[in-house]
């Protein structure tokens, strides 16, 4: 498949869902059609709604605050009925070392923040498969889907929009380390 770019735009949820919806992003993902990512506050989880992509969700049993989903060893991430394992070396100094390691079936990914501020999902064999530009909460988010990507890659990348990825930066890593001291080391990866 050739690559393509699309935008995800924050939407107001329906009146009946406003109290339980933290964020709703929608867009048209090229050949995959209409996609939505919905982050709810009760239960605190994000779900991917897209007819052309595998089903997926991300949640954390003890999400510390209403908002983006915390990422650590207890994060529950599933795409297409396959549960992923998420790891991270929060003490790493290089950005590649701080990236999230994701094992999804027989696929191995790294999710990291680039110097440009973009976030990138890399497959261990195929290289970069998606990039994200822009914040997901305040304004439009641009998703760049690179030629080697498939539906599973895109579904995973969209779910990671709901993840709290502040620990992918050096300042975020420092704050995360300090917070883990106050929580008796819970959440270390």
Protein backbone atom coordinates (compact mmCIF):
# COMPACT_ATOMS: atom_id res chain seq x y z
CA UNK A 1 0.00 0.00 0.00
CA UNK A 2 1.20 3.50 -0.69
CA UNK A 3 1.44 5.93 2.19
CA UNK A 4 -1.13 8.59 3.01
CA UNK A 5 -1.80 11.38 5.51
CA UNK A 6 -5.00 12.16 7.35
CA UNK A 7 -6.22 14.38 10.18
CA UNK A 8 -7.95 13.49 13.40
CA UNK A 9 -10.13 16.27 14.77
CA UNK A 10 -11.47 16.57 18.34
CA UNK A 11 -15.26 16.30 18.36
CA UNK A 12 -17.86 17.09 20.98
CA UNK A 13 -19.48 13.88 22.17
CA UNK A 14 -23.25 13.60 22.16
CA UNK A 15 -24.98 15.27 25.08
CA UNK A 16 -25.66 11.94 26.79
CA UNK A 17 -21.98 10.92 26.60
CA UNK A 18 -20.31 14.21 27.62
CA UNK A 19 -19.93 13.26 31.29
CA UNK A 20 -18.10 10.00 30.55
CA UNK A 21 -16.08 11.04 27.48
CA UNK A 22 -12.71 12.70 28.00
CA UNK A 23 -11.78 12.96 24.32
CA UNK A 24 -13.25 11.93 20.98
CA UNK A 25 -11.10 12.12 17.83
CA UNK A 26 -12.49 11.41 14.37
CA UNK A 27 -11.17 11.41 10.83
CA UNK A 28 -11.02 9.56 7.52
CA UNK A 29 -8.03 7.22 7.32
CA UNK A 30 -7.60 6.91 3.57
CA UNK A 31 -8.59 3.44 2.34
CA UNK A 32 -9.63 2.38 5.87
CA UNK A 33 -12.51 4.87 5.95
CA UNK A 34 -13.98 6.66 8.95
CA UNK A 35 -12.13 6.16 12.24
CA UNK A 36 -12.80 7.32 15.79
CA UNK A 37 -10.81 7.11 18.98
CA UNK A 38 -12.88 7.53 22.13
CA UNK A 39 -11.35 7.98 25.59
CA UNK A 40 -13.88 7.48 28.37
CA UNK A 41 -13.55 8.39 32.03
CA UNK A 42 -15.72 5.53 33.30
CA UNK A 43 -14.34 3.06 32.64
CA UNK A 44 -11.01 4.78 31.95
CA UNK A 45 -10.14 3.32 28.59
CA UNK A 46 -9.73 4.24 24.96
CA UNK A 47 -11.39 2.30 22.19
CA UNK A 48 -10.83 2.41 18.47
CA UNK A 49 -13.98 2.49 16.36
CA UNK A 50 -13.27 1.82 12.70
CA UNK A 51 -14.89 -0.58 10.25
CA UNK A 52 -11.74 -0.97 8.15
CA UNK A 53 -9.30 -1.57 11.04
CA UNK A 54 -8.94 -4.27 13.70
CA UNK A 55 -10.76 -3.56 16.99
CA UNK A 56 -8.57 -2.25 19.75
CA UNK A 57 -8.45 -0.78 23.23
CA UNK A 58 -6.00 0.54 25.79
CA UNK A 59 -6.62 0.89 29.51
CA UNK A 60 -4.88 0.91 32.87
CA UNK A 61 -6.37 -0.60 36.05
CA UNK A 62 -5.19 2.31 38.22
CA UNK A 63 -5.12 5.27 35.86
CA UNK A 64 -3.87 8.06 38.15
CA UNK A 65 -6.08 10.83 36.78
CA UNK A 66 -8.90 11.44 34.37
CA UNK A 67 -7.36 11.88 30.96
CA UNK A 68 -4.80 10.06 28.88
CA UNK A 69 -4.07 6.42 29.74
CA UNK A 70 -0.99 5.76 31.91
CA UNK A 71 1.66 3.54 30.33
CA UNK A 72 3.55 0.98 32.42
CA UNK A 73 3.71 -2.79 32.82
CA UNK A 74 0.05 -2.90 33.93
CA UNK A 75 -1.27 -1.15 30.82
CA UNK A 76 -3.72 -3.32 28.92
CA UNK A 77 -3.35 -2.92 25.17
CA UNK A 78 -5.09 -5.13 22.62
CA UNK A 79 -5.40 -4.97 18.83
CA UNK A 80 -7.49 -7.40 16.81
CA UNK A 81 -8.04 -9.66 19.80
CA UNK A 82 -4.28 -9.99 20.46
CA UNK A 83 -3.00 -8.63 23.79
CA UNK A 84 0.23 -6.65 23.65
CA UNK A 85 3.06 -6.52 26.16
CA UNK A 86 4.40 -3.01 26.84
CA UNK A 87 7.87 -2.32 28.26
CA UNK A 88 10.04 0.74 28.74
CA UNK A 89 13.42 1.61 30.20
CA UNK A 90 12.55 4.90 31.87
CA UNK A 91 16.13 5.41 32.97
CA UNK A 92 17.52 5.40 29.43
CA UNK A 93 19.12 8.63 28.28
CA UNK A 94 18.79 8.13 24.51
CA UNK A 95 15.36 8.57 22.95
CA UNK A 96 15.52 5.12 21.34
CA UNK A 97 16.15 3.61 24.77
CA UNK A 98 13.20 5.46 26.34
CA UNK A 99 10.80 4.38 23.60
CA UNK A 100 7.94 2.06 24.43
CA UNK A 101 8.65 -1.54 23.46
CA UNK A 102 5.48 -3.24 22.26
CA UNK A 103 5.14 -6.95 21.48
CA UNK A 104 1.92 -7.74 19.66
CA UNK A 105 1.78 -11.38 18.65
CA UNK A 106 4.83 -11.99 16.47
CA UNK A 107 5.34 -8.26 15.81
CA UNK A 108 7.81 -6.09 17.72
CA UNK A 109 7.42 -2.33 17.78
CA UNK A 110 9.10 0.71 19.28
CA UNK A 111 7.12 3.90 19.88
CA UNK A 112 9.25 6.99 20.43
CA UNK A 113 9.31 10.75 20.30
CA UNK A 114 11.55 12.27 17.62
CA UNK A 115 13.59 15.48 18.00
CA UNK A 116 11.00 17.28 15.86
CA UNK A 117 8.31 16.58 18.49
CA UNK A 118 6.65 13.98 16.27
CA UNK A 119 5.94 10.51 17.63
CA UNK A 120 6.81 7.50 15.51
CA UNK A 121 5.82 3.82 15.55
CA UNK A 122 8.56 1.54 14.23
CA UNK A 123 8.29 -2.13 13.39
CA UNK A 124 11.47 -4.07 14.18
CA UNK A 125 11.61 -5.54 10.66
CA UNK A 126 9.93 -2.96 8.41
CA UNK A 127 11.11 0.26 10.07
CA UNK A 128 8.89 3.33 10.55
CA UNK A 129 5.21 2.64 9.84
CA UNK A 130 3.42 5.75 11.22
CA UNK A 131 4.16 9.25 12.49
CA UNK A 132 2.01 11.59 14.51
CA UNK A 133 2.24 15.37 14.31
CA UNK A 134 0.55 17.78 16.65
CA UNK A 135 -1.21 17.50 19.98
CA UNK A 136 -4.25 15.26 20.14
CA UNK A 137 -6.27 17.25 22.66
CA UNK A 138 -6.11 20.90 21.65
CA UNK A 139 -6.20 20.81 17.88
CA UNK A 140 -5.97 18.63 14.82
CA UNK A 141 -3.60 15.69 14.89
CA UNK A 142 -1.95 14.69 11.63
CA UNK A 143 -1.26 10.99 11.13
CA UNK A 144 1.24 10.01 8.46
CA UNK A 145 0.89 6.38 7.38
CA UNK A 146 4.06 5.19 5.66
CA UNK A 147 4.08 2.64 2.79
CA UNK A 148 5.02 -0.48 4.81
CA UNK A 149 2.07 0.01 7.22
CA UNK A 150 -1.00 -2.19 7.37
CA UNK A 151 -4.26 -2.03 9.33
CA UNK A 152 -2.77 -3.51 12.50
CA UNK A 153 0.01 -0.91 12.50
CA UNK A 154 -2.47 1.93 12.06
CA UNK A 155 -4.82 0.58 14.73
CA UNK A 156 -1.94 0.37 17.21
CA UNK A 157 -0.70 3.87 16.34
CA UNK A 158 -4.18 5.32 16.82
CA UNK A 159 -4.56 3.65 20.22
CA UNK A 160 -1.23 5.15 21.29
CA UNK A 161 -2.76 8.60 20.74
CA UNK A 162 -4.69 7.89 23.94
CA UNK A 163 -1.55 6.99 25.90
CA UNK A 164 0.25 9.40 28.21
CA UNK A 165 3.62 9.51 26.46
CA UNK A 166 5.23 12.30 28.49
CA UNK A 167 7.86 9.82 29.76
CA UNK A 168 9.26 9.59 26.22
CA UNK A 169 11.03 12.94 26.77
CA UNK A 170 13.94 13.61 29.16
CA UNK A 171 11.91 16.03 31.35
CA UNK A 172 9.02 13.54 31.41
CA UNK A 173 11.42 10.76 32.33
CA UNK A 174 12.77 12.82 35.26
CA UNK A 175 9.28 13.61 36.57
CA UNK A 176 8.27 9.96 36.15
CA UNK A 177 11.34 8.84 38.14
CA UNK A 178 10.56 11.26 40.96
CA UNK A 179 6.93 10.15 41.05
CA UNK A 180 7.95 6.48 41.21
CA UNK A 181 9.96 7.23 44.37
CA UNK A 182 6.84 8.63 46.01
CA UNK A 183 4.75 5.64 44.95
CA UNK A 184 7.19 3.07 46.38
CA UNK A 185 8.53 2.18 42.94
CA UNK A 186 5.16 1.13 41.50
CA UNK A 187 4.89 1.64 37.81
CA UNK A 188 8.58 1.06 37.09
CA UNK A 189 9.23 -0.82 33.91
